[in-house]
Amino acid sequence: MLNPSKIQAIRKIMEEMPPEITEDCYVEAEQLAEKSIERFRDSLRKHWPDTYTEQACEYMEDSDIDYQKAESQRVFDAIFHRVKVERAFWIYDRQNSTEDAA
């Protein structure tokens, strides 16, 4: 479990993250989202696998443009947030290792 001061520091880093680092997070998240969308679709199919589930998934994937956009956005949002938090932890560790060395 993370200590409260580290959590607070991570939040501050995320709030003050420079635009160029946020852009790097965006690019990385896009790449990861493209790889993850199939796993997301598979999880929908396997949740309650029957004929209706299969037909519903096929319909949504092939015909429902709103669903496809929303699905892509959900996957991207989750991955983007994770990548941004990972980057904040990396920055935190770098800041603290520099302070320890000084």
C-alpha atoms as a PDB file:
ATOM      1  CA  MET A   1       0.000   0.000   0.000  1.00  0.00           C
ATOM      2  CA  LEU A   2       1.259   3.455  -0.861  1.00  0.00           C
ATOM      3  CA  ASN A   3       1.823   5.928   1.906  1.00  0.00           C
ATOM      4  CA  PRO A   4      -0.349   9.065   1.842  1.00  0.00           C
ATOM      5  CA  SER A   5       2.561  11.426   1.172  1.00  0.00           C
ATOM      6  CA  LYS A   6       3.568   9.459  -1.919  1.00  0.00           C
ATOM      7  CA  ILE A   7      -0.022   9.459  -3.183  1.00  0.00           C
ATOM      8  CA  GLN A   8      -0.165  13.217  -2.677  1.00  0.00           C
ATOM      9  CA  ALA A   9       3.145  13.666  -4.519  1.00  0.00           C
ATOM     10  CA  ILE A  10       1.951  11.534  -7.459  1.00  0.00           C
ATOM     11  CA  ARG A  11      -1.253  13.594  -7.741  1.00  0.00           C
ATOM     12  CA  LYS A  12       0.775  16.817  -7.743  1.00  0.00           C
ATOM     13  CA  ILE A  13       3.106  15.478 -10.450  1.00  0.00           C
ATOM     14  CA  MET A  14       0.100  14.516 -12.594  1.00  0.00           C
ATOM     15  CA  GLU A  15      -1.487  17.959 -12.166  1.00  0.00           C
ATOM     16  CA  GLU A  16       1.746  19.725 -13.103  1.00  0.00           C
ATOM     17  CA  MET A  17       2.856  17.331 -15.833  1.00  0.00           C
ATOM     18  CA  PRO A  18       4.374  19.275 -18.750  1.00  0.00           C
ATOM     19  CA  PRO A  19       2.461  19.116 -22.060  1.00  0.00           C
ATOM     20  CA  GLU A  20       5.292  17.288 -23.848  1.00  0.00           C
ATOM     21  CA  ILE A  21       5.213  14.455 -21.301  1.00  0.00           C
ATOM     22  CA  THR A  22       1.418  14.316 -21.503  1.00  0.00           C
ATOM     23  CA  GLU A  23       1.739  14.079 -25.301  1.00  0.00           C
ATOM     24  CA  ASP A  24       4.187  11.174 -24.916  1.00  0.00           C
ATOM     25  CA  CYS A  25       1.641   9.467 -22.653  1.00  0.00           C
ATOM     26  CA  TYR A  26      -1.041  10.057 -25.294  1.00  0.00           C
ATOM     27  CA  VAL A  27       1.070   8.440 -28.034  1.00  0.00           C
ATOM     28  CA  GLU A  28       1.931   5.445 -25.853  1.00  0.00           C
ATOM     29  CA  ALA A  29      -1.707   5.021 -24.842  1.00  0.00           C
ATOM     30  CA  GLU A  30      -2.851   5.046 -28.475  1.00  0.00           C
ATOM     31  CA  GLN A  31      -0.385   2.275 -29.301  1.00  0.00           C
ATOM     32  CA  LEU A  32      -1.457   0.192 -26.307  1.00  0.00           C
ATOM     33  CA  ALA A  33      -5.161   0.765 -27.011  1.00  0.00           C
ATOM     34  CA  GLU A  34      -4.818  -0.579 -30.543  1.00  0.00           C
ATOM     35  CA  LYS A  35      -3.331  -3.773 -29.111  1.00  0.00           C
ATOM     36  CA  SER A  36      -5.900  -4.030 -26.302  1.00  0.00           C
ATOM     37  CA  ILE A  37      -9.169  -3.545 -28.175  1.00  0.00           C
ATOM     38  CA  GLU A  38      -9.317  -7.194 -29.274  1.00  0.00           C
ATOM     39  CA  ARG A  39      -8.872  -8.403 -25.679  1.00  0.00           C
ATOM     40  CA  PHE A  40     -11.688  -6.099 -24.626  1.00  0.00           C
ATOM     41  CA  ARG A  41     -13.972  -7.484 -27.325  1.00  0.00           C
ATOM     42  CA  ASP A  42     -13.055 -11.048 -26.362  1.00  0.00           C
ATOM     43  CA  SER A  43     -13.953 -10.331 -22.746  1.00  0.00           C
ATOM     44  CA  LEU A  44     -17.415  -9.152 -23.843  1.00  0.00           C
ATOM     45  CA  ARG A  45     -17.931 -12.330 -25.828  1.00  0.00           C
ATOM     46  CA  LYS A  46     -16.808 -14.597 -22.986  1.00  0.00           C
ATOM     47  CA  HIS A  47     -18.780 -12.909 -20.189  1.00  0.00           C
ATOM     48  CA  TRP A  48     -21.985 -14.811 -20.911  1.00  0.00           C
ATOM     49  CA  PRO A  49     -21.237 -16.869 -24.013  1.00  0.00           C
ATOM     50  CA  ASP A  50     -24.340 -17.932 -25.868  1.00  0.00           C
ATOM     51  CA  THR A  51     -25.903 -17.360 -29.283  1.00  0.00           C
ATOM     52  CA  TYR A  52     -27.412 -14.015 -28.277  1.00  0.00           C
ATOM     53  CA  THR A  53     -24.119 -12.742 -26.924  1.00  0.00           C
ATOM     54  CA  GLU A  54     -22.389 -13.683 -30.164  1.00  0.00           C
ATOM     55  CA  GLN A  55     -25.073 -12.007 -32.264  1.00  0.00           C
ATOM     56  CA  ALA A  56     -25.022  -8.866 -30.097  1.00  0.00           C
ATOM     57  CA  CYS A  57     -21.229  -8.595 -30.320  1.00  0.00           C
ATOM     58  CA  GLU A  58     -21.269  -9.107 -34.083  1.00  0.00           C
ATOM     59  CA  TYR A  59     -23.949  -6.438 -34.474  1.00  0.00           C
ATOM     60  CA  MET A  60     -22.097  -3.927 -32.295  1.00  0.00           C
ATOM     61  CA  GLU A  61     -18.763  -4.546 -34.002  1.00  0.00           C
ATOM     62  CA  ASP A  62     -20.132  -4.480 -37.537  1.00  0.00           C
ATOM     63  CA  SER A  63     -23.099  -2.094 -37.470  1.00  0.00           C
ATOM     64  CA  ASP A  64     -23.205   0.113 -34.403  1.00  0.00           C
ATOM     65  CA  ILE A  65     -20.917   3.086 -35.064  1.00  0.00           C
ATOM     66  CA  ASP A  66     -21.788   4.744 -31.722  1.00  0.00           C
ATOM     67  CA  TYR A  67     -20.770   1.570 -29.890  1.00  0.00           C
ATOM     68  CA  GLN A  68     -17.488   1.315 -31.787  1.00  0.00           C
ATOM     69  CA  LYS A  69     -16.577   4.921 -30.953  1.00  0.00           C
ATOM     70  CA  ALA A  70     -17.558   4.533 -27.309  1.00  0.00           C
ATOM     71  CA  GLU A  71     -15.698   1.232 -27.000  1.00  0.00           C
ATOM     72  CA  SER A  72     -12.542   2.718 -28.442  1.00  0.00           C
ATOM     73  CA  GLN A  73     -12.796   5.778 -26.204  1.00  0.00           C
ATOM     74  CA  ARG A  74     -13.290   3.694 -23.035  1.00  0.00           C
ATOM     75  CA  VAL A  75     -10.273   1.538 -23.769  1.00  0.00           C
ATOM     76  CA  PHE A  76      -8.141   4.565 -24.627  1.00  0.00           C
ATOM     77  CA  ASP A  77      -9.224   6.526 -21.521  1.00  0.00           C
ATOM     78  CA  ALA A  78      -8.351   3.674 -19.172  1.00  0.00           C
ATOM     79  CA  ILE A  79      -4.982   3.069 -20.792  1.00  0.00           C
ATOM     80  CA  PHE A  80      -4.141   6.783 -21.017  1.00  0.00           C
ATOM     81  CA  HIS A  81      -4.792   7.266 -17.317  1.00  0.00           C
ATOM     82  CA  ARG A  82      -2.657   4.230 -16.469  1.00  0.00           C
ATOM     83  CA  VAL A  83       0.224   5.445 -18.652  1.00  0.00           C
ATOM     84  CA  LYS A  84       0.028   8.922 -17.125  1.00  0.00           C
ATOM     85  CA  VAL A  85       0.121   7.497 -13.589  1.00  0.00           C
ATOM     86  CA  GLU A  86       3.057   5.247 -14.548  1.00  0.00           C
ATOM     87  CA  ARG A  87       4.917   8.280 -15.866  1.00  0.00           C
ATOM     88  CA  ALA A  88       4.180  10.163 -12.632  1.00  0.00           C
ATOM     89  CA  PHE A  89       5.673   7.291 -10.618  1.00  0.00           C
ATOM     90  CA  TRP A  90       8.751   7.335 -12.854  1.00  0.00           C
ATOM     91  CA  ILE A  91       9.144  11.092 -12.323  1.00  0.00           C
ATOM     92  CA  TYR A  92       8.639  10.663  -8.573  1.00  0.00           C
ATOM     93  CA  ASP A  93      11.317   7.965  -8.403  1.00  0.00           C
ATOM     94  CA  ARG A  94      13.731  10.089 -10.442  1.00  0.00           C
ATOM     95  CA  GLN A  95      13.159  13.104  -8.220  1.00  0.00           C
ATOM     96  CA  ASN A  96      13.687  11.095  -5.063  1.00  0.00           C
ATOM     97  CA  SER A  97      16.735   9.207  -6.302  1.00  0.00           C
ATOM     98  CA  THR A  98      18.294  12.567  -7.255  1.00  0.00           C
ATOM     99  CA  GLU A  99      17.540  13.949  -3.787  1.00  0.00           C
ATOM    100  CA  ASP A 100      19.007  10.837  -2.159  1.00  0.00           C
ATOM    101  CA  ALA A 101      22.185  11.145  -4.211  1.00  0.00           C
ATOM    102  CA  ALA A 102      22.661  14.818  -3.326  1.00  0.00           C
END
